[in-house]
């Protein structure tokens, strides 16, 4: 499916609390919708919902249902999810290091520094 990576990244950022199908669909829609190639939100929501239902049926599936109805989160028992969590964690660490390096190199005096 074309939205799989975005769904998994969104659920990774959500943490153990999980997110509703609607909120996941909003994130995916915002990542793919552009001015020159708009996509219909309802189609994205249906695709996201189908993917979540198909990939949360088994105990080893990458996604699981939360305690509340309609909420999903990453399944920590899944081997695939554990690999993805490591991959996403490495990407976040690299982004944080880059941000910190940029902050150290930025010697410009800001308006609110006084």
C-alpha atoms as a PDB file:
ATOM      1  CA  UNK A   1       0.000   0.000   0.000  1.00  0.00           C
ATOM      2  CA  UNK A   2       1.200   3.484  -0.757  1.00  0.00           C
ATOM      3  CA  UNK A   3       0.469   4.889   2.733  1.00  0.00           C
ATOM      4  CA  UNK A   4       2.088   2.161   4.844  1.00  0.00           C
ATOM      5  CA  UNK A   5       5.264   4.085   5.712  1.00  0.00           C
ATOM      6  CA  UNK A   6       3.361   7.229   6.705  1.00  0.00           C
ATOM      7  CA  UNK A   7       0.917   5.261   8.872  1.00  0.00           C
ATOM      8  CA  UNK A   8       3.734   3.527  10.719  1.00  0.00           C
ATOM      9  CA  UNK A   9       5.667   6.777  11.220  1.00  0.00           C
ATOM     10  CA  UNK A  10       2.549   8.484  12.571  1.00  0.00           C
ATOM     11  CA  UNK A  11       1.875   5.630  14.986  1.00  0.00           C
ATOM     12  CA  UNK A  12       5.523   5.662  16.083  1.00  0.00           C
ATOM     13  CA  UNK A  13       5.266   9.356  16.939  1.00  0.00           C
ATOM     14  CA  UNK A  14       1.975   8.762  18.781  1.00  0.00           C
ATOM     15  CA  UNK A  15       3.566   6.319  21.209  1.00  0.00           C
ATOM     16  CA  UNK A  16       1.716   3.822  23.401  1.00  0.00           C
ATOM     17  CA  UNK A  17      -1.455   5.894  23.623  1.00  0.00           C
ATOM     18  CA  UNK A  18      -2.197   5.334  19.949  1.00  0.00           C
ATOM     19  CA  UNK A  19      -4.302   7.397  17.571  1.00  0.00           C
ATOM     20  CA  UNK A  20      -7.736   7.166  16.044  1.00  0.00           C
ATOM     21  CA  UNK A  21      -8.232   6.233  12.412  1.00  0.00           C
ATOM     22  CA  UNK A  22      -9.408   9.761  11.664  1.00  0.00           C
ATOM     23  CA  UNK A  23      -6.290  11.417  13.094  1.00  0.00           C
ATOM     24  CA  UNK A  24      -4.000   8.977  11.302  1.00  0.00           C
ATOM     25  CA  UNK A  25      -5.847   9.698   8.060  1.00  0.00           C
ATOM     26  CA  UNK A  26      -5.423  13.456   8.620  1.00  0.00           C
ATOM     27  CA  UNK A  27      -1.659  13.050   9.020  1.00  0.00           C
ATOM     28  CA  UNK A  28      -1.383  10.865   5.922  1.00  0.00           C
ATOM     29  CA  UNK A  29      -3.574  13.231   3.905  1.00  0.00           C
ATOM     30  CA  UNK A  30      -1.450  16.228   4.920  1.00  0.00           C
ATOM     31  CA  UNK A  31       1.727  14.429   3.904  1.00  0.00           C
ATOM     32  CA  UNK A  32       0.429  13.522   0.434  1.00  0.00           C
ATOM     33  CA  UNK A  33      -1.880  16.390  -0.503  1.00  0.00           C
ATOM     34  CA  UNK A  34      -0.342  19.147  -2.629  1.00  0.00           C
ATOM     35  CA  UNK A  35      -1.614  22.149  -4.509  1.00  0.00           C
ATOM     36  CA  UNK A  36      -1.007  20.583  -7.916  1.00  0.00           C
ATOM     37  CA  UNK A  37      -2.118  17.039  -7.105  1.00  0.00           C
ATOM     38  CA  UNK A  38      -4.908  17.205  -4.530  1.00  0.00           C
ATOM     39  CA  UNK A  39      -6.278  13.970  -3.120  1.00  0.00           C
ATOM     40  CA  UNK A  40      -9.673  13.311  -1.596  1.00  0.00           C
ATOM     41  CA  UNK A  41      -9.629  12.935   2.184  1.00  0.00           C
ATOM     42  CA  UNK A  42     -12.406  10.342   2.187  1.00  0.00           C
ATOM     43  CA  UNK A  43     -10.391   8.063  -0.105  1.00  0.00           C
ATOM     44  CA  UNK A  44      -7.327   8.408   2.113  1.00  0.00           C
ATOM     45  CA  UNK A  45      -9.395   7.643   5.219  1.00  0.00           C
ATOM     46  CA  UNK A  46     -10.861   4.515   3.630  1.00  0.00           C
ATOM     47  CA  UNK A  47      -7.413   3.313   2.532  1.00  0.00           C
ATOM     48  CA  UNK A  48      -5.941   3.956   5.994  1.00  0.00           C
ATOM     49  CA  UNK A  49      -8.843   2.195   7.696  1.00  0.00           C
ATOM     50  CA  UNK A  50      -8.537  -0.847   5.412  1.00  0.00           C
ATOM     51  CA  UNK A  51      -4.790  -1.064   5.986  1.00  0.00           C
ATOM     52  CA  UNK A  52      -5.193  -0.813   9.762  1.00  0.00           C
ATOM     53  CA  UNK A  53      -7.881  -3.496   9.826  1.00  0.00           C
ATOM     54  CA  UNK A  54      -5.843  -5.838   7.636  1.00  0.00           C
ATOM     55  CA  UNK A  55      -2.646  -5.328   9.639  1.00  0.00           C
ATOM     56  CA  UNK A  56      -4.069  -5.642  13.145  1.00  0.00           C
ATOM     57  CA  UNK A  57      -5.806  -9.016  12.982  1.00  0.00           C
ATOM     58  CA  UNK A  58      -2.997 -11.273  14.237  1.00  0.00           C
ATOM     59  CA  UNK A  59      -0.953 -11.167  17.416  1.00  0.00           C
ATOM     60  CA  UNK A  60       2.235 -10.735  15.361  1.00  0.00           C
ATOM     61  CA  UNK A  61       0.789  -7.965  13.172  1.00  0.00           C
ATOM     62  CA  UNK A  62       2.649  -4.627  13.119  1.00  0.00           C
ATOM     63  CA  UNK A  63      -0.376  -2.744  14.516  1.00  0.00           C
ATOM     64  CA  UNK A  64      -2.738  -3.529  17.385  1.00  0.00           C
ATOM     65  CA  UNK A  65      -5.983  -2.182  18.794  1.00  0.00           C
ATOM     66  CA  UNK A  66      -5.774  -0.079  21.940  1.00  0.00           C
ATOM     67  CA  UNK A  67      -8.111  -0.362  24.906  1.00  0.00           C
ATOM     68  CA  UNK A  68     -10.540   2.175  23.446  1.00  0.00           C
ATOM     69  CA  UNK A  69     -12.539   1.482  20.309  1.00  0.00           C
ATOM     70  CA  UNK A  70     -11.063   2.901  17.104  1.00  0.00           C
ATOM     71  CA  UNK A  71      -7.563   3.542  18.483  1.00  0.00           C
ATOM     72  CA  UNK A  72      -4.478   1.876  17.055  1.00  0.00           C
ATOM     73  CA  UNK A  73      -0.821   1.728  18.078  1.00  0.00           C
ATOM     74  CA  UNK A  74       2.308  -0.124  17.072  1.00  0.00           C
ATOM     75  CA  UNK A  75       2.468  -3.688  18.347  1.00  0.00           C
ATOM     76  CA  UNK A  76       5.603  -4.044  20.515  1.00  0.00           C
ATOM     77  CA  UNK A  77       5.405  -7.868  20.212  1.00  0.00           C
ATOM     78  CA  UNK A  78       5.861  -7.795  16.447  1.00  0.00           C
ATOM     79  CA  UNK A  79       9.366  -8.361  15.075  1.00  0.00           C
ATOM     80  CA  UNK A  80       8.629  -6.090  12.122  1.00  0.00           C
ATOM     81  CA  UNK A  81       7.571  -3.264  14.429  1.00  0.00           C
ATOM     82  CA  UNK A  82      10.665  -3.640  16.597  1.00  0.00           C
ATOM     83  CA  UNK A  83      12.854  -3.232  13.512  1.00  0.00           C
ATOM     84  CA  UNK A  84      10.872  -0.173  12.433  1.00  0.00           C
ATOM     85  CA  UNK A  85      11.129   1.381  15.898  1.00  0.00           C
ATOM     86  CA  UNK A  86      14.900   1.036  15.771  1.00  0.00           C
ATOM     87  CA  UNK A  87      14.977   2.549  12.298  1.00  0.00           C
ATOM     88  CA  UNK A  88      12.728   5.483  13.250  1.00  0.00           C
ATOM     89  CA  UNK A  89      14.706   6.012  16.466  1.00  0.00           C
ATOM     90  CA  UNK A  90      17.976   6.233  14.531  1.00  0.00           C
ATOM     91  CA  UNK A  91      16.463   8.800  12.155  1.00  0.00           C
ATOM     92  CA  UNK A  92      15.230  10.920  15.065  1.00  0.00           C
ATOM     93  CA  UNK A  93      18.639  10.800  16.771  1.00  0.00           C
ATOM     94  CA  UNK A  94      20.311  12.014  13.571  1.00  0.00           C
ATOM     95  CA  UNK A  95      17.815  14.856  13.215  1.00  0.00           C
ATOM     96  CA  UNK A  96      18.314  15.930  16.846  1.00  0.00           C
ATOM     97  CA  UNK A  97      22.117  15.890  16.449  1.00  0.00           C
ATOM     98  CA  UNK A  98      21.875  18.000  13.301  1.00  0.00           C
ATOM     99  CA  UNK A  99      19.590  20.469  15.088  1.00  0.00           C
ATOM    100  CA  UNK A 100      21.978  20.733  18.054  1.00  0.00           C
ATOM    101  CA  UNK A 101      24.961  21.264  15.719  1.00  0.00           C
ATOM    102  CA  UNK A 102      23.098  24.028  13.905  1.00  0.00           C
ATOM    103  CA  UNK A 103      22.242  25.681  17.212  1.00  0.00           C
ATOM    104  CA  UNK A 104      25.902  25.618  18.295  1.00  0.00           C
ATOM    105  CA  UNK A 105      27.029  27.147  14.999  1.00  0.00           C
ATOM    106  CA  UNK A 106      24.400  29.862  15.133  1.00  0.00           C
ATOM    107  CA  UNK A 107      26.136  32.855  16.752  1.00  0.00           C
ATOM    108  CA  UNK A 108      23.614  35.430  15.614  1.00  0.00           C
ATOM    109  CA  UNK A 109      22.171  37.570  18.393  1.00  0.00           C
ATOM    110  CA  UNK A 110      18.432  37.194  18.583  1.00  0.00           C
ATOM    111  CA  UNK A 111      15.923  39.815  19.616  1.00  0.00           C
ATOM    112  CA  UNK A 112      14.958  38.013  22.812  1.00  0.00           C
ATOM    113  CA  UNK A 113      18.525  37.268  23.980  1.00  0.00           C
ATOM    114  CA  UNK A 114      18.785  40.521  25.896  1.00  0.00           C
END
